[in-house]
Protein backbone atom coordinates (compact mmCIF):
# COMPACT_ATOMS: atom_id res chain seq x y z
CA MET A 1 -22.95 -31.45 -5.61
CA PRO A 2 -24.96 -34.66 -5.92
CA ILE A 3 -28.16 -34.78 -7.95
CA THR A 4 -30.88 -37.17 -6.81
CA ILE A 5 -32.98 -38.70 -9.59
CA ILE A 6 -36.44 -39.78 -8.48
CA ASP A 7 -37.31 -42.77 -10.63
CA ASN A 8 -40.99 -42.81 -11.62
CA GLY A 9 -40.36 -45.65 -14.05
CA LYS A 10 -39.06 -44.04 -17.23
CA GLY A 11 -35.69 -42.55 -18.15
CA ALA A 12 -33.87 -42.47 -14.79
CA ASP A 13 -31.00 -44.69 -15.96
CA LYS A 14 -30.54 -42.66 -19.15
CA ILE A 15 -30.57 -39.41 -17.18
CA SER A 16 -28.00 -40.84 -14.77
CA GLY A 17 -25.77 -41.81 -17.69
CA ILE A 18 -25.87 -38.25 -19.05
CA LEU A 19 -24.94 -36.57 -15.78
CA THR A 20 -21.21 -36.21 -15.15
CA CYS A 21 -21.53 -35.37 -11.46
CA PRO A 22 -22.29 -37.41 -8.35
CA LYS A 23 -25.82 -38.77 -8.60
CA LYS A 24 -28.16 -41.25 -6.98
CA ILE A 25 -31.38 -42.86 -8.19
CA ILE A 26 -34.16 -43.39 -5.65
CA LYS A 27 -37.77 -44.53 -5.83
CA PRO A 28 -40.55 -42.08 -4.84
CA GLU A 29 -41.22 -44.01 -1.62
CA GLU A 30 -37.62 -43.27 -0.51
CA ILE A 31 -38.15 -39.48 -0.56
CA GLY A 32 -37.53 -37.94 2.84
CA LYS A 33 -34.90 -40.43 3.97
CA GLU A 34 -31.98 -38.16 3.09
CA ASN A 35 -31.02 -34.53 2.59
CA LEU A 36 -31.33 -33.54 -1.08
CA SER A 37 -29.20 -30.93 -2.86
CA ALA A 38 -30.78 -30.99 -6.33
CA VAL A 39 -33.49 -33.22 -7.76
CA ILE A 40 -34.62 -34.54 -11.13
CA ILE A 41 -38.08 -36.16 -11.10
CA SER A 42 -38.27 -38.59 -14.02
CA ASP A 43 -41.14 -39.43 -16.33
CA GLY A 44 -43.31 -42.51 -15.93
CA ALA A 45 -46.90 -43.68 -15.64
CA PRO A 46 -49.12 -41.66 -13.27
CA GLN A 47 -49.17 -43.19 -9.79
CA LYS A 48 -51.95 -43.01 -7.23
CA ASN A 49 -49.35 -43.03 -4.45
CA ASN A 50 -47.59 -39.82 -5.51
CA GLN A 51 -47.93 -37.90 -2.25
CA LYS A 52 -44.20 -37.95 -1.43
CA CYS A 53 -43.37 -36.39 -4.82
CA ILE A 54 -46.08 -33.74 -4.37
CA GLU A 55 -44.88 -32.89 -0.83
CA LEU A 56 -41.28 -32.64 -2.03
CA ILE A 57 -42.31 -30.26 -4.82
CA GLN A 58 -44.35 -28.10 -2.45
CA ASN A 59 -41.52 -27.76 0.08
CA PHE A 60 -38.30 -27.90 -1.94
CA ASN A 61 -36.51 -24.61 -2.59
CA ARG A 62 -33.37 -25.97 -4.24
CA PRO A 63 -32.77 -26.83 -7.93
CA MET A 64 -35.42 -29.20 -9.30
CA LEU A 65 -36.22 -30.47 -12.79
CA GLY A 66 -39.47 -32.31 -13.48
CA ILE A 67 -39.50 -34.34 -16.69
CA GLY A 68 -42.82 -35.52 -18.20
CA LEU A 69 -44.73 -36.91 -15.22
CA GLY A 70 -42.40 -34.95 -12.92
CA CYS A 71 -43.49 -31.73 -14.63
CA LEU A 72 -47.16 -32.72 -14.31
CA TYR A 73 -46.66 -33.34 -10.58
CA MET A 74 -45.14 -29.84 -10.32
CA VAL A 75 -48.26 -28.36 -11.94
CA ALA A 76 -50.69 -30.42 -9.83
CA ALA A 77 -48.82 -29.65 -6.58
CA PHE A 78 -49.83 -26.00 -6.83
CA GLY A 79 -53.38 -26.38 -8.14
CA GLY A 80 -52.86 -26.57 -11.90
CA THR A 81 -54.85 -29.04 -13.97
CA ILE A 82 -53.83 -31.84 -16.32
CA ARG A 83 -55.74 -33.33 -19.23
CA GLU A 84 -55.31 -36.41 -21.34
CA GLY A 85 -54.91 -35.97 -25.08
CA LYS A 86 -53.43 -37.41 -28.24
CA ASN A 87 -49.65 -37.51 -28.11
CA GLU A 88 -47.48 -36.39 -30.99
CA LYS A 89 -44.22 -38.19 -30.28
CA ASN A 90 -42.01 -35.80 -32.27
CA ILE A 91 -42.60 -32.16 -31.41
CA LEU A 92 -41.09 -28.81 -32.34
CA VAL A 93 -40.32 -26.74 -29.25
CA SER A 94 -40.25 -22.93 -29.53
CA VAL A 95 -38.39 -21.10 -26.75
CA ASN A 96 -40.23 -17.89 -25.82
CA GLN A 97 -37.99 -16.56 -23.05
CA ILE A 98 -34.42 -16.93 -21.83
CA ASN A 99 -33.97 -19.79 -19.39
CA PRO A 100 -30.98 -21.68 -17.93
CA LEU A 101 -32.28 -24.99 -19.33
CA THR A 102 -32.12 -23.81 -22.94
CA ASN A 103 -28.79 -21.99 -22.66
CA GLU A 104 -26.85 -22.22 -25.95
CA MET A 105 -29.69 -24.10 -27.66
CA LYS A 106 -31.57 -23.01 -30.77
CA LYS A 107 -34.79 -21.05 -30.27
CA LYS A 108 -36.59 -23.89 -32.06
CA PHE A 109 -35.59 -27.52 -31.65
CA LYS A 110 -37.07 -30.97 -32.12
CA ALA A 111 -37.89 -33.09 -29.07
CA VAL A 112 -39.50 -36.42 -28.21
CA ARG A 113 -42.57 -36.57 -25.95
CA GLU A 114 -43.55 -39.97 -24.57
CA ASN A 115 -46.75 -39.28 -22.66
CA ASN A 116 -50.28 -38.29 -23.54
CA PHE A 117 -50.98 -35.94 -20.63
CA PHE A 118 -50.87 -32.19 -21.04
CA ILE A 119 -50.96 -29.08 -18.87
CA ASP A 120 -54.49 -27.68 -19.03
CA SER A 121 -54.11 -24.77 -16.59
CA LEU A 122 -50.86 -23.50 -15.12
CA PRO A 123 -50.62 -22.26 -11.52
CA GLU A 124 -49.65 -18.60 -11.07
CA CYS A 125 -46.27 -19.58 -9.58
CA TYR A 126 -45.00 -20.76 -13.00
CA ASP A 127 -44.03 -18.99 -16.22
CA VAL A 128 -44.20 -20.59 -19.67
CA VAL A 129 -40.69 -20.69 -21.13
CA ALA A 130 -41.39 -22.71 -24.29
CA THR A 131 -44.29 -24.16 -26.24
CA ALA A 132 -44.84 -26.96 -28.74
CA GLY A 133 -47.68 -25.81 -30.96
CA ARG A 134 -50.45 -24.83 -28.54
CA GLU A 135 -49.08 -26.99 -25.71
CA ILE A 136 -46.79 -25.89 -22.89
CA ALA A 137 -43.34 -27.49 -23.27
CA ILE A 138 -41.15 -25.86 -20.57
CA ILE A 139 -42.08 -24.04 -17.37
CA ASN A 140 -40.12 -22.41 -14.59
CA ASP A 141 -41.05 -21.41 -11.08
CA ILE A 142 -41.15 -17.63 -10.64
CA GLU A 143 -39.57 -17.68 -7.15
CA ASN A 144 -37.73 -21.00 -6.82
CA PRO A 145 -35.04 -22.69 -8.95
CA CYS A 146 -37.51 -25.26 -10.30
CA PHE A 147 -38.15 -26.19 -13.92
CA GLY A 148 -40.53 -28.56 -15.69
CA ILE A 149 -40.41 -29.97 -19.20
CA GLN A 150 -43.16 -31.80 -21.06
CA PHE A 151 -40.90 -33.94 -23.23
CA ASN A 152 -38.08 -36.43 -22.71
CA PRO A 153 -34.67 -34.77 -23.16
CA GLU A 154 -32.78 -37.96 -22.30
CA ILE A 155 -33.90 -39.59 -25.57
CA ASP A 156 -32.63 -37.18 -28.22
CA ALA A 157 -29.05 -36.01 -28.83
CA GLU A 158 -30.16 -32.39 -29.33
CA THR A 159 -32.15 -32.16 -26.10
CA ILE A 160 -29.62 -33.94 -23.86
CA ALA A 161 -28.16 -30.43 -23.43
CA ILE A 162 -31.14 -29.59 -21.20
CA ILE A 163 -30.02 -32.14 -18.61
CA ARG A 164 -26.44 -30.86 -18.76
CA ASN A 165 -27.68 -27.27 -18.50
CA PHE A 166 -29.68 -28.21 -15.40
CA ARG A 167 -26.57 -29.79 -13.86
CA ASN A 168 -24.58 -26.61 -14.61
CA PHE A 169 -27.34 -24.43 -13.17
CA ALA A 170 -27.53 -26.57 -10.00
CA GLU A 171 -23.76 -26.36 -9.50
CA VAL A 172 -23.74 -22.55 -9.83
CA TRP A 173 -26.84 -22.21 -7.64
CA GLU A 174 -25.23 -24.35 -4.93
CA LYS A 175 -22.07 -22.24 -5.03
CA TYR A 176 -24.02 -19.07 -4.19
CA HIS A 177 -26.64 -20.54 -1.82
CA LYS A 178 -24.70 -22.52 0.78
């Protein structure tokens, strides 16, 4: 099952290098030109022309992982709000509920966050899976196989497992939802 990585400018090549399955990197403006099985939306600088990412998030019911900016797009797509703040690059993530992304990981782990935007209010369609201090670190959609993380798992050896866990989840999901 191929995973499409939407490259918002940060981390797509590293994510691609971690995945051991068929994958393809595309730019946001290429969304809609092909049928997608599973998607990772990478981090990057906020873009004014983000409508294709937002539309994909609103209409996609297959496995999706939003990283950094990708997670913020997931929140904004359903009416949540984002705020700018002071970034702490090294954070301690506390997992509050069981989730496929954190399978076989410690309940507390260190992570690297590379942006200074935060989730201010979360839409009702998402649950908080993990926090970093008072900030939301991981979310998941209540009805769809979609996850968002507010840090960069492709940077740290400990958090690379999140990308692999997403790949494993997407493969199992595909097997039972053909």
